Protein backbone atom coordinates (compact mmCIF):
# COMPACT_ATOMS: atom_id res chain seq x y z
CA MET A 1 14.37 -6.35 -8.78
CA SER A 2 12.72 -9.21 -7.25
CA ARG A 3 9.33 -8.66 -8.22
CA SER A 4 10.70 -9.42 -11.88
CA ILE A 5 12.78 -12.22 -11.01
CA VAL A 6 8.44 -13.54 -10.06
CA ARG A 7 7.04 -12.49 -12.36
CA GLN A 8 3.19 -13.67 -12.16
CA SER A 9 3.08 -15.39 -16.51
CA LYS A 10 0.96 -18.30 -16.75
CA PHE A 11 3.35 -18.97 -19.32
CA ARG A 12 6.55 -19.02 -17.05
CA HIS A 13 6.83 -23.04 -17.07
CA VAL A 14 5.70 -23.64 -20.68
CA PHE A 15 8.02 -26.56 -21.98
CA GLY A 16 8.72 -27.97 -25.62
CA GLN A 17 9.16 -31.70 -26.13
CA ALA A 18 9.05 -33.85 -29.53
CA VAL A 19 7.56 -36.14 -30.73
CA LYS A 20 8.05 -39.55 -30.47
CA ALA A 21 10.22 -40.63 -33.69
CA GLU A 22 7.14 -42.97 -35.08
CA GLN A 23 5.44 -39.61 -34.92
CA GLY A 24 7.49 -37.51 -37.31
CA TYR A 25 7.54 -36.61 -41.04
CA ASP A 26 10.19 -39.13 -42.48
CA ASP A 27 12.71 -38.76 -45.65
CA ILE A 28 11.27 -35.67 -47.01
CA ARG A 29 14.13 -34.09 -48.79
CA VAL A 30 14.21 -30.95 -47.89
CA SER A 31 14.92 -28.56 -50.31
CA LYS A 32 18.79 -26.76 -50.22
CA VAL A 33 17.41 -22.90 -51.48
CA THR A 34 19.56 -20.53 -50.26
CA TRP A 35 16.81 -18.35 -49.61
CA ASP A 36 16.01 -16.79 -46.36
CA SER A 37 11.63 -18.93 -45.49
CA SER A 38 10.03 -20.74 -43.44
CA PHE A 39 10.23 -23.75 -46.19
CA CYS A 40 7.44 -25.26 -44.55
CA ALA A 41 3.32 -24.18 -43.58
CA VAL A 42 1.35 -26.16 -41.94
CA ASN A 43 -3.12 -25.48 -40.43
CA PRO A 44 -5.14 -28.26 -38.86
CA LYS A 45 -5.84 -30.45 -41.95
CA PHE A 46 -1.71 -30.87 -43.80
CA LEU A 47 1.81 -30.43 -43.73
CA ALA A 48 3.44 -28.63 -46.74
CA VAL A 49 7.19 -29.32 -47.34
CA ILE A 50 9.19 -27.18 -50.56
CA VAL A 51 11.24 -29.89 -51.15
CA GLU A 52 14.37 -30.93 -53.21
CA SER A 53 13.42 -31.51 -57.23
CA SER A 54 14.59 -31.62 -60.62
CA GLY A 55 13.46 -29.73 -63.83
CA GLY A 56 11.36 -27.09 -61.35
CA GLY A 57 10.37 -26.41 -57.85
CA ALA A 58 7.59 -28.81 -56.15
CA PHE A 59 6.64 -28.96 -52.60
CA LEU A 60 5.15 -31.70 -50.25
CA VAL A 61 1.36 -31.51 -48.70
CA LEU A 62 1.09 -34.47 -46.36
CA PRO A 63 -2.53 -35.22 -44.32
CA LEU A 64 -1.52 -34.13 -40.78
CA SER A 65 -1.89 -38.00 -39.97
CA LYS A 66 0.31 -38.96 -42.02
CA THR A 67 2.91 -40.07 -39.67
CA GLY A 68 6.01 -42.41 -40.37
CA ARG A 69 8.30 -43.24 -43.49
CA VAL A 70 7.17 -41.44 -47.01
CA ASP A 71 7.46 -43.15 -49.69
CA LYS A 72 10.00 -41.72 -52.66
CA ASN A 73 7.25 -41.75 -54.91
CA TYR A 74 5.12 -40.34 -52.74
CA PRO A 75 3.49 -37.72 -55.17
CA LEU A 76 4.39 -33.83 -54.60
CA VAL A 77 2.87 -30.32 -55.90
CA VAL A 78 4.43 -29.53 -59.37
CA GLY A 79 3.65 -26.84 -61.36
CA HIS A 80 6.32 -24.52 -61.07
CA SER A 81 9.25 -24.53 -63.67
CA GLY A 82 11.55 -23.00 -60.94
CA PRO A 83 12.52 -23.66 -57.46
CA VAL A 84 9.78 -23.08 -54.91
CA LEU A 85 11.09 -20.17 -52.27
CA ASP A 86 7.90 -19.73 -50.08
CA ILE A 87 4.08 -21.25 -49.23
CA ASP A 88 1.45 -20.04 -47.10
CA TRP A 89 -1.46 -21.96 -46.58
CA CYS A 90 -4.91 -20.18 -46.43
CA PRO A 91 -5.99 -18.86 -42.66
CA HIS A 92 -9.95 -19.09 -45.14
CA ASP A 93 -9.89 -22.68 -45.93
CA ASP A 94 -7.70 -24.99 -44.95
CA ASN A 95 -7.49 -27.22 -48.79
CA VAL A 96 -5.99 -23.37 -50.08
CA LEU A 97 -1.96 -22.94 -50.19
CA ALA A 98 -0.35 -20.38 -52.42
CA SER A 99 3.16 -21.15 -53.21
CA CYS A 100 5.79 -18.49 -55.50
CA SER A 101 8.81 -19.47 -57.01
CA GLU A 102 12.29 -18.30 -59.24
CA ASP A 103 9.93 -18.92 -62.37
CA CYS A 104 8.57 -14.97 -61.46
CA THR A 105 5.01 -16.09 -60.42
CA ALA A 106 2.96 -17.27 -57.73
CA MET A 107 0.19 -19.59 -57.61
CA VAL A 108 -3.08 -21.04 -55.74
CA TRP A 109 -3.38 -24.36 -54.73
CA GLN A 110 -6.50 -26.27 -54.38
CA ILE A 111 -5.48 -29.72 -52.13
CA PRO A 112 -7.22 -32.40 -51.50
CA ASP A 113 -8.44 -33.74 -48.57
CA LYS A 114 -7.57 -36.80 -48.51
CA ALA A 115 -3.57 -37.13 -49.67
CA LEU A 116 -2.91 -37.02 -53.01
CA THR A 117 -2.50 -40.19 -55.15
CA ARG A 118 -1.04 -38.14 -57.99
CA PRO A 119 1.50 -35.59 -58.79
CA LEU A 120 -1.03 -32.62 -58.60
CA SER A 121 0.41 -29.58 -61.36
CA ASP A 122 -2.96 -27.85 -62.39
CA PRO A 123 -3.08 -24.61 -59.75
CA ILE A 124 -6.51 -22.36 -59.82
CA VAL A 125 -4.81 -19.45 -60.25
CA VAL A 126 -1.64 -18.86 -61.93
CA LEU A 127 -0.71 -14.70 -60.84
CA GLU A 128 1.72 -13.63 -63.09
CA GLY A 129 2.93 -9.86 -62.30
CA HIS A 130 6.62 -10.03 -61.51
CA SER A 131 9.83 -9.14 -63.61
CA LYS A 132 12.19 -10.93 -61.62
CA ARG A 133 12.02 -14.32 -58.88
CA VAL A 134 9.01 -14.04 -56.07
CA GLY A 135 9.96 -14.50 -52.73
CA ILE A 136 7.30 -14.31 -50.56
CA VAL A 137 4.06 -14.72 -50.05
CA SER A 138 1.24 -13.73 -47.84
CA TRP A 139 -2.60 -14.21 -47.00
CA HIS A 140 -4.55 -11.17 -45.70
CA PRO A 141 -5.66 -12.28 -42.93
CA THR A 142 -9.58 -11.47 -42.01
CA ALA A 143 -10.77 -10.70 -46.17
CA ARG A 144 -11.27 -13.61 -48.37
CA ASN A 145 -9.19 -14.22 -51.51
CA ILE A 146 -6.64 -11.54 -51.15
CA LEU A 147 -2.84 -12.32 -51.56
CA LEU A 148 -0.04 -10.66 -51.29
CA THR A 149 3.14 -11.23 -52.93
CA ALA A 150 7.05 -9.27 -53.33
CA GLY A 151 9.37 -10.44 -55.73
CA SER A 152 13.34 -9.55 -56.28
CA ASP A 153 11.68 -7.16 -58.94
CA ASN A 154 11.34 -4.91 -55.26
CA LEU A 155 7.58 -4.85 -55.99
CA ILE A 156 4.60 -5.17 -53.28
CA ILE A 157 1.24 -6.84 -55.58
CA ILE A 158 -1.80 -7.41 -53.69
CA TRP A 159 -4.48 -9.99 -55.59
CA ASN A 160 -7.57 -10.68 -56.03
CA VAL A 161 -7.32 -14.63 -55.61
CA GLY A 162 -10.92 -15.22 -57.24
CA THR A 163 -10.44 -13.17 -60.00
CA GLY A 164 -7.08 -13.78 -60.72
CA GLU A 165 -6.17 -10.04 -61.22
CA PRO A 166 -3.12 -7.68 -59.70
CA LEU A 167 -5.94 -4.57 -57.12
CA ILE A 168 -2.94 -3.08 -55.34
CA SER A 169 0.83 -2.26 -56.90
CA MET A 170 3.81 -0.80 -55.00
CA ASP A 171 7.70 0.74 -55.76
CA ASP A 172 8.33 2.32 -52.40
CA HIS A 173 11.29 -0.44 -51.84
CA PRO A 174 14.91 0.16 -53.52
CA ASP A 175 16.20 -2.47 -52.60
CA LEU A 176 15.22 -6.83 -51.60
CA ILE A 177 12.69 -7.10 -49.78
CA TYR A 178 13.36 -9.95 -46.65
CA SER A 179 10.31 -10.12 -44.33
CA ILE A 180 6.69 -8.89 -44.59
CA SER A 181 3.77 -8.95 -41.94
CA TRP A 182 0.26 -8.06 -41.92
CA ASN A 183 -1.66 -6.46 -38.83
CA ARG A 184 -3.87 -7.89 -37.16
CA ASN A 185 -7.04 -6.29 -39.24
CA GLY A 186 -5.18 -6.15 -41.96
CA SER A 187 -5.62 -2.52 -42.83
CA LEU A 188 -1.23 -2.10 -42.73
CA PHE A 189 1.65 -4.04 -43.21
CA CYS A 190 4.80 -3.76 -42.14
CA THR A 191 8.10 -4.39 -43.99
CA THR A 192 11.92 -5.07 -43.75
CA CYS A 193 14.29 -4.48 -46.62
CA LYS A 194 17.59 -4.72 -47.92
CA ASP A 195 18.61 -0.76 -48.04
CA ARG A 196 18.62 -1.31 -43.57
CA ARG A 197 14.53 0.77 -42.81
CA LEU A 198 11.88 -0.51 -41.25
CA ARG A 199 8.43 0.40 -43.04
CA VAL A 200 4.90 0.40 -42.38
CA CYS A 201 2.91 0.96 -45.17
CA ASP A 202 -0.90 1.49 -46.36
CA PRO A 203 -1.58 -0.42 -49.10
CA ARG A 204 -5.18 0.59 -50.09
CA LYS A 205 -3.48 4.69 -49.86
CA ARG A 206 0.02 2.60 -51.89
CA GLU A 207 2.50 4.65 -49.36
CA VAL A 208 4.66 4.18 -46.46
CA VAL A 209 3.43 5.95 -43.91
CA ALA A 210 6.57 5.48 -41.44
CA GLU A 211 9.03 3.72 -41.27
CA ARG A 212 12.96 3.96 -39.51
CA LEU A 213 16.29 3.62 -40.83
CA ALA A 214 18.49 0.45 -38.98
CA PRO A 215 16.31 -0.48 -35.94
CA HIS A 216 19.25 -2.92 -35.99
CA GLU A 217 22.36 -1.33 -36.86
CA GLY A 218 23.98 -4.43 -38.46
CA ILE A 219 23.48 -5.65 -42.24
CA ARG A 220 22.66 -8.49 -42.57
CA PRO A 221 18.97 -9.46 -42.66
CA MET A 222 16.11 -8.36 -40.59
CA ARG A 223 12.37 -9.95 -40.33
CA ALA A 224 9.94 -7.98 -38.10
CA ILE A 225 6.21 -9.21 -36.98
CA PHE A 226 2.94 -7.07 -36.48
CA THR A 227 2.14 -7.77 -32.48
CA ARG A 228 -1.87 -7.87 -31.53
CA GLU A 229 -1.38 -4.19 -29.82
CA GLY A 230 -0.66 -2.54 -33.28
CA ASN A 231 3.89 -2.47 -31.92
CA ILE A 232 6.46 -4.49 -33.80
CA PHE A 233 8.54 -6.33 -33.09
CA THR A 234 11.49 -7.23 -34.77
CA THR A 235 14.87 -9.61 -35.23
CA GLY A 236 18.19 -8.65 -36.62
CA PHE A 237 22.15 -7.44 -35.88
CA THR A 238 24.21 -5.58 -33.64
CA ARG A 239 27.12 -3.75 -35.64
CA MET A 240 29.25 -6.18 -33.64
CA SER A 241 26.92 -8.72 -35.89
CA GLN A 242 25.33 -10.20 -32.52
CA ARG A 243 22.06 -11.17 -32.93
CA GLU A 244 19.20 -8.45 -31.59
CA LEU A 245 15.44 -7.98 -30.99
CA GLY A 246 13.52 -5.27 -30.88
CA LEU A 247 10.01 -4.11 -29.84
CA TRP A 248 8.93 -0.85 -31.60
CA ASP A 249 5.87 1.17 -31.45
CA PRO A 250 5.35 2.53 -35.08
CA THR A 251 3.66 5.55 -34.35
CA ASN A 252 7.19 7.01 -32.40
CA PHE A 253 10.24 5.37 -33.73
CA GLU A 254 12.73 7.33 -32.57
CA GLU A 255 13.70 5.16 -29.92
CA PRO A 256 12.71 1.25 -29.18
CA ILE A 257 10.06 0.39 -26.54
CA ALA A 258 12.65 -2.72 -25.90
CA LEU A 259 16.10 -3.56 -27.27
CA LEU A 260 18.14 -6.94 -26.43
CA GLU A 261 20.78 -8.09 -27.84
CA LEU A 262 20.71 -12.19 -27.64
CA ASP A 263 24.24 -14.09 -28.76
CA THR A 264 26.67 -14.25 -31.92
CA SER A 265 25.31 -16.41 -34.42
CA ASN A 266 24.89 -15.99 -38.08
CA GLY A 267 21.16 -17.51 -38.82
CA VAL A 268 18.66 -15.86 -39.25
CA LEU A 269 15.82 -15.27 -36.48
CA LEU A 270 12.81 -16.06 -37.78
CA PRO A 271 9.74 -15.39 -35.12
CA TYR A 272 6.38 -16.84 -35.22
CA TYR A 273 3.90 -14.72 -33.16
CA ASP A 274 1.31 -15.96 -30.97
CA ALA A 275 -1.69 -13.22 -30.84
CA ASP A 276 -3.64 -14.98 -28.07
CA ALA A 277 -1.13 -15.80 -25.80
CA SER A 278 1.12 -12.53 -26.77
CA MET A 279 3.98 -15.18 -27.18
CA VAL A 280 7.19 -14.87 -29.25
CA TYR A 281 9.52 -18.74 -30.36
CA LEU A 282 13.59 -17.04 -31.86
CA CYS A 283 13.79 -19.99 -34.97
CA GLY A 284 17.20 -19.57 -35.83
CA LYS A 285 18.56 -20.69 -39.22
CA GLY A 286 20.94 -23.51 -38.53
CA ASP A 287 20.57 -23.48 -34.85
CA SER A 288 19.49 -25.84 -32.78
CA SER A 289 16.83 -23.96 -30.47
CA ILE A 290 13.62 -22.00 -30.07
CA ARG A 291 14.35 -19.35 -27.64
CA TYR A 292 10.26 -18.48 -26.54
CA PHE A 293 9.40 -14.41 -24.48
CA GLU A 294 6.33 -13.25 -23.24
CA VAL A 295 5.96 -9.63 -24.57
CA THR A 296 3.89 -7.43 -22.47
CA GLU A 297 2.44 -4.18 -21.44
CA GLU A 298 5.25 -3.37 -18.02
CA PRO A 299 8.75 -3.23 -18.57
CA PRO A 300 10.57 -4.74 -19.64
CA TYR A 301 8.15 -5.73 -22.24
CA VAL A 302 10.18 -8.55 -24.53
CA HIS A 303 10.03 -10.94 -21.35
CA TYR A 304 13.19 -14.22 -21.92
CA LEU A 305 10.97 -17.47 -21.02
CA ASN A 306 12.50 -20.74 -21.64
CA THR A 307 14.61 -22.26 -25.08
CA PHE A 308 13.76 -25.89 -25.93
CA SER A 309 17.34 -27.17 -27.60
CA SER A 310 17.90 -30.13 -29.35
CA LYS A 311 20.98 -31.70 -31.61
CA GLU A 312 20.95 -31.23 -35.26
CA PRO A 313 19.58 -27.66 -36.06
CA GLN A 314 16.53 -26.68 -37.77
CA ARG A 315 16.23 -25.62 -41.32
CA GLY A 316 13.58 -24.39 -41.73
CA MET A 317 9.96 -24.33 -39.18
CA GLY A 318 6.43 -24.11 -39.92
CA PHE A 319 3.84 -22.65 -36.93
CA MET A 320 0.86 -24.30 -36.42
CA PRO A 321 -2.00 -21.51 -36.37
CA LYS A 322 -3.64 -21.96 -33.13
CA ARG A 323 -6.82 -23.53 -33.49
CA GLY A 324 -4.78 -26.79 -34.39
CA VAL A 325 -3.22 -27.64 -31.17
CA ASP A 326 -4.92 -30.09 -28.35
CA VAL A 327 -6.76 -28.28 -25.70
CA SER A 328 -6.78 -31.68 -24.07
CA LYS A 329 -2.94 -31.59 -23.28
CA CYS A 330 -2.57 -28.02 -22.97
CA GLU A 331 -1.17 -27.42 -25.51
CA ILE A 332 -0.37 -23.72 -26.75
CA ALA A 333 1.96 -23.92 -29.74
CA ARG A 334 3.30 -26.82 -32.18
CA LEU A 335 5.90 -26.43 -34.11
CA PHE A 336 7.33 -27.88 -37.28
CA LYS A 337 11.13 -28.77 -37.40
CA LEU A 338 12.96 -29.42 -40.71
CA HIS A 339 15.89 -31.34 -40.50
CA ASP A 340 18.02 -32.16 -44.18
CA LYS A 341 15.68 -35.48 -44.13
CA LYS A 342 12.83 -35.25 -41.96
CA CYS A 343 10.64 -32.88 -39.77
CA GLU A 344 9.69 -32.89 -36.16
CA PRO A 345 6.66 -31.63 -33.72
CA ILE A 346 7.22 -29.96 -31.47
CA THR A 347 5.28 -29.34 -28.73
CA MET A 348 4.75 -25.69 -26.24
CA THR A 349 2.96 -27.15 -23.18
CA VAL A 350 1.49 -25.58 -20.23
CA PRO A 351 1.32 -27.99 -17.15
CA ARG A 352 -1.48 -28.35 -15.52
CA LYS A 353 -3.40 -30.27 -13.28
CA SER A 354 -7.11 -30.43 -14.24
CA ASP A 355 -8.23 -31.99 -16.97
CA LEU A 356 -10.67 -29.23 -17.88
CA PHE A 357 -10.91 -26.92 -20.54
CA GLN A 358 -8.09 -24.12 -19.74
CA ASP A 359 -9.73 -20.93 -20.45
CA ASP A 360 -7.26 -18.94 -19.25
CA LEU A 361 -4.77 -20.84 -21.90
CA TYR A 362 -8.00 -20.71 -25.01
CA PRO A 363 -9.54 -16.78 -25.56
CA ASP A 364 -11.37 -17.07 -28.39
CA THR A 365 -8.74 -17.86 -31.61
CA ALA A 366 -8.75 -16.50 -34.90
CA GLY A 367 -11.21 -18.71 -36.84
CA PRO A 368 -11.37 -19.62 -40.66
CA GLU A 369 -14.50 -17.34 -41.99
CA PRO A 370 -13.22 -14.42 -43.51
CA ALA A 371 -14.42 -11.18 -41.97
CA MET A 372 -15.72 -9.26 -45.45
CA GLU A 373 -15.57 -9.97 -49.07
CA PRO A 374 -11.60 -8.48 -51.44
CA GLU A 375 -14.60 -5.79 -52.53
CA GLU A 376 -14.76 -4.17 -49.03
CA TRP A 377 -11.84 -4.45 -48.26
CA LEU A 378 -10.46 -2.41 -51.15
CA ASP A 379 -12.99 -0.13 -50.49
CA GLY A 380 -11.61 0.92 -46.86
CA ARG A 381 -13.38 -1.45 -43.98
CA ASP A 382 -11.18 -2.94 -41.56
CA GLU A 383 -12.90 -6.15 -39.64
CA ASP A 384 -10.76 -7.85 -36.63
CA PRO A 385 -10.45 -11.62 -37.24
CA ILE A 386 -13.89 -13.94 -36.45
CA LEU A 387 -13.02 -15.59 -33.45
CA THR A 388 -14.32 -19.09 -32.56
CA SER A 389 -13.76 -20.65 -29.21
CA MET A 390 -11.06 -23.55 -28.97
CA ARG A 391 -13.86 -25.27 -25.96
CA GLY A 392 -14.01 -28.83 -27.53
CA GLY A 393 -10.89 -28.54 -29.99
CA TYR A 394 -11.19 -27.66 -32.90
CA VAL A 395 -12.44 -30.36 -36.21
CA PRO A 396 -11.42 -28.83 -39.78
CA PRO A 397 -14.97 -29.57 -41.53
CA LYS A 398 -14.78 -31.96 -44.52
CA SER A 399 -16.63 -32.11 -47.16
CA ARG A 400 -18.38 -28.65 -46.54
CA GLU A 401 -14.69 -27.64 -47.31
CA ILE A 402 -14.33 -28.78 -50.71
CA LYS A 403 -17.41 -27.24 -51.63
CA VAL A 404 -16.77 -24.18 -50.03
CA ALA A 405 -13.30 -23.55 -50.79
CA LYS A 406 -13.99 -23.90 -54.70
CA LYS A 407 -16.50 -21.15 -53.91
CA ASN A 408 -14.54 -19.09 -52.51
CA VAL A 409 -11.38 -19.54 -54.52
CA LEU A 410 -13.33 -18.39 -57.70
CA ASP A 411 -15.87 -16.72 -57.20
CA SER A 412 -16.10 -14.77 -60.25
CA ARG A 413 -18.84 -11.91 -59.73
CA PRO A 414 -17.73 -9.47 -61.63
CA THR A 415 -17.99 -6.23 -59.59
CA ALA A 416 -19.40 -2.45 -61.13
CA ARG A 417 -16.03 -1.62 -61.02
CA ARG A 418 -14.25 -4.28 -62.82
CA SER A 419 -14.87 -6.42 -65.03
CA MET A 420 -13.25 -10.03 -65.93
CA SER A 421 -11.43 -10.57 -69.95
CA THR A 422 -13.17 -12.90 -71.16
CA VAL A 423 -10.05 -15.46 -70.94
CA GLU A 424 -10.55 -14.57 -67.64
CA THR A 425 -14.03 -15.43 -67.43
CA ASN A 426 -13.11 -18.75 -70.18
CA ASN A 427 -10.67 -20.05 -67.53
CA LEU A 428 -12.79 -20.22 -64.43
CA SER A 429 -15.80 -21.80 -66.68
CA GLU A 430 -13.62 -24.49 -67.45
CA VAL A 431 -12.07 -25.41 -63.92
């Protein structure tokens, strides 16, 4: 018992701290859509927030350095004819963002390095294939230009953004899909659904390879994410409406590795996972706190670390990729908390006395280079992310980024097995 109380961990004293008011982002009209999305996406260059807008859907994209009050006439990204429901930055290009909307489409955008000077209304590509609103977009973690979308038509479509064509379509879900998470190399993804099932899907075989009914007994929405080791971390509700988290082995879904009751609250818990530190940050919609846990291989497997609390509830949350944190301050995570009218960065720091680079806190992390092309992934190849060192901090490329971004996203080389239509070719050459 005493050993578990003084468990050795370098993350035992992680503390959260909100930045000073002038380092936040003020006067942002955060979307009021009743959808359990995070409404926010962030990378080492930009902050994107889904906002209220008349006559369609829009989101705001700010360079991270543009802190302070946001001009009410600041140009938005406008292109969707219905409210935007989800946004996701491409992990392989910091200037490319995907969005999806109630207008049944997903769109991919090229964001210029400098702040927008006029509204951006021309996406690189429009992905049309769903018959109802599209609520989830998620980039493949290691293959270039592969994007997954899920809609209220209970359909999952995987696209090659470079050609604008659907590669894979799966209709295994009989009800609304709540969440989707790729595993580390993108060979599988897990889903939670309104039918209360947790599924593990192999997209290239177009089949569900494992499933579990009611990992949490409550009927409220669940969330699930893959851990680095291939286990699945879930959040949900008990039959008595208490919030609960679980850890599961997808090769043996009978019993949970760990199951932990948290509290009684209505807010859906959004989990954010740091693969390098094996930590999970739980942010409840409407909560004013962020709990964080360490996932280990020894009992009790999910260790509570601490809670960051503030006075105001959160509307949504963005999670910075590890390459965007400040290594000189021993910052291991940065979350961007959405209020009704502002966005507040919160830094998670491990206290250290030394000013030197802390090797144990910053193992090599997933970098921006894709590990393979879409055709290779489709043919069955799997690759882990290409890692990059955090020593000296990460500096996002500038001029090279735009050139490569255009080429990456519009890479139109037709393969031997698949030719593009003349309409697509014309569209690409015009851009």
